[in-house]
Amino acid sequence: MRQSRKAAPSSLAHSVIASIGAPVEVRRHPAARRMTLRISRTRRAVIVTLPMQCDIGEATPFINRHLDWVRERLGCLPEPAPFLDACVIPLRGVPHRLSFSGRVDGAMGSVEVRPAGADGCAIVEVAGRVEQAPRRLFNWLNEEALRDLDGRVLWHARNLGVKAKRIAVRDQTSRWGSCSTTGALSFSWRLVLAPPLILDYVAAHEVAHLKEMNHGPQFWALVRKTFPRMDEAKGWLQLYGTDLHRYGA
């Protein structure tokens, strides 16, 4: 399931323009007839697409001519929320405060969810060396996402009479989930940040692709059959889905 439509580039160059303070991706695309400019909300990047015959050096002056537009759009993006001690992130839709405790007494590498503290916010405590805590938290969130998805995929697969070949979670930005022609399902780990209803919907969506590898009426009928709250979940993703990409950025 795609989060947004994106043409695959034939070539890709990365650069950073200091005055913007955001990564710039310069792409060539055979279907492009003119230079275009857009902002990727999920990757917080400026993307310039050029026709094949266009000199790549024209990208910088093109951005400079639209600098006010670029800055305005970047300024509208939600602030990134990196994994830092005392920061608040959602976990299954509920705010949790991070605690990088630095404990090494028999708890090296452990992650534990604790009851709410004085501020009423539940706590995710990451033990071990503080400098390694963000990566440890990232790995734990991936494991939690996979566990949740494994259960929901199994449920929907049984409901629709199909079977997934395997399930994986990835750090992807263009899709919440995908289904290969071989029956392998892949999902964004960030679904574990969303309310369980949203993860359940994406699981149902991809399982339905095991029967219908399209988005035709029969496909949507399958999704609705196994997940009647489909419209509610789709609406949430449209309103709040992009915001999940700021966490861990």
Foldseek 3Di string as FASTA:
>chain_A
DWLDDDDDFPDWDWDDDVVQRAIEIEGEDCPDPAWDWDAQLLRRYIYIYGYPPDDSVVVVVVCVVVVVVSNVVSVPRDAFAADAAQTWAAFLAAIEGEHAPQDDPPQALHWDWAAADPVRHTYIYGYHHRVCRRVSVVVVLQVVLVVLLVVLLVQLCVVVVHDAPEEHEDCDRTRQKEADPVRYIYGHSLVRRHNSLLSNLVSLLHSLCPVPVDPDPVSVVSSCSSRVCNVVNVVCCVVCVSVSSSYND
